Each structure stands twice: as C-alpha cells, then as structure tokens.
C-alpha cells in the first residue's frame, strides 16, 4: 500500500491555494491557473519523491473518489442506513470536497 501523507488535509487560501496538513507543512500549492506543484522544500522537509508521487495519485483520483462517495451515499440511503456512522463520514467527505463543510 502506498504511503501518502495522512489526513486531515485542508485548503488554505494565501494568494495561491495550499493543501496543508494538520501536523504542519504543505502537500502542494495550486496557482490561479490550476497548475499544482509540490513545495520546493519538500525533500528538505523529509517528504520523499515516493510520498509526493503517492500524494499526486491521490489528488488525481479525487474526482472519481467523489463520484464513488456520492453513489455510496445513495446506496446507504436505499439500505436505510442514513443515520449510520458510515453515512455521516461519507456525507462529511462530500461536504469537504465540494466546499460545503
């Protein structure tokens, strides 16, 4: 299993948009054109090329993961699990991804 940077990740608007982690540090920067890139100090901060690649793969999979979450939410509702812990976690993830959280 790939060792991506653990959650939680948050978006910080500082002229660019940074995807930051609770432990301190930045997963990547995103500029106003939508280009994203790791921080220039990543390897100095102990983030290996492999970790940056696994983070990039996770970011690239985000649209498909969001659609899978939406489908899962519908399935959980159909199964009568709308109040379950799993339902709430999926709902929170969708809200975070869509900016509602």
Foldseek 3Di string as FASTA:
>chain_A
DQDEDDDDWAWDDDQWIFTAHPVGDTLWTAHPVRDIDRDPCCVVVVNDPSRNVVNVVVVVCVVVVLVVLVVVLVVCVVVVNCPPPVNVVSVVVNCRVVVND
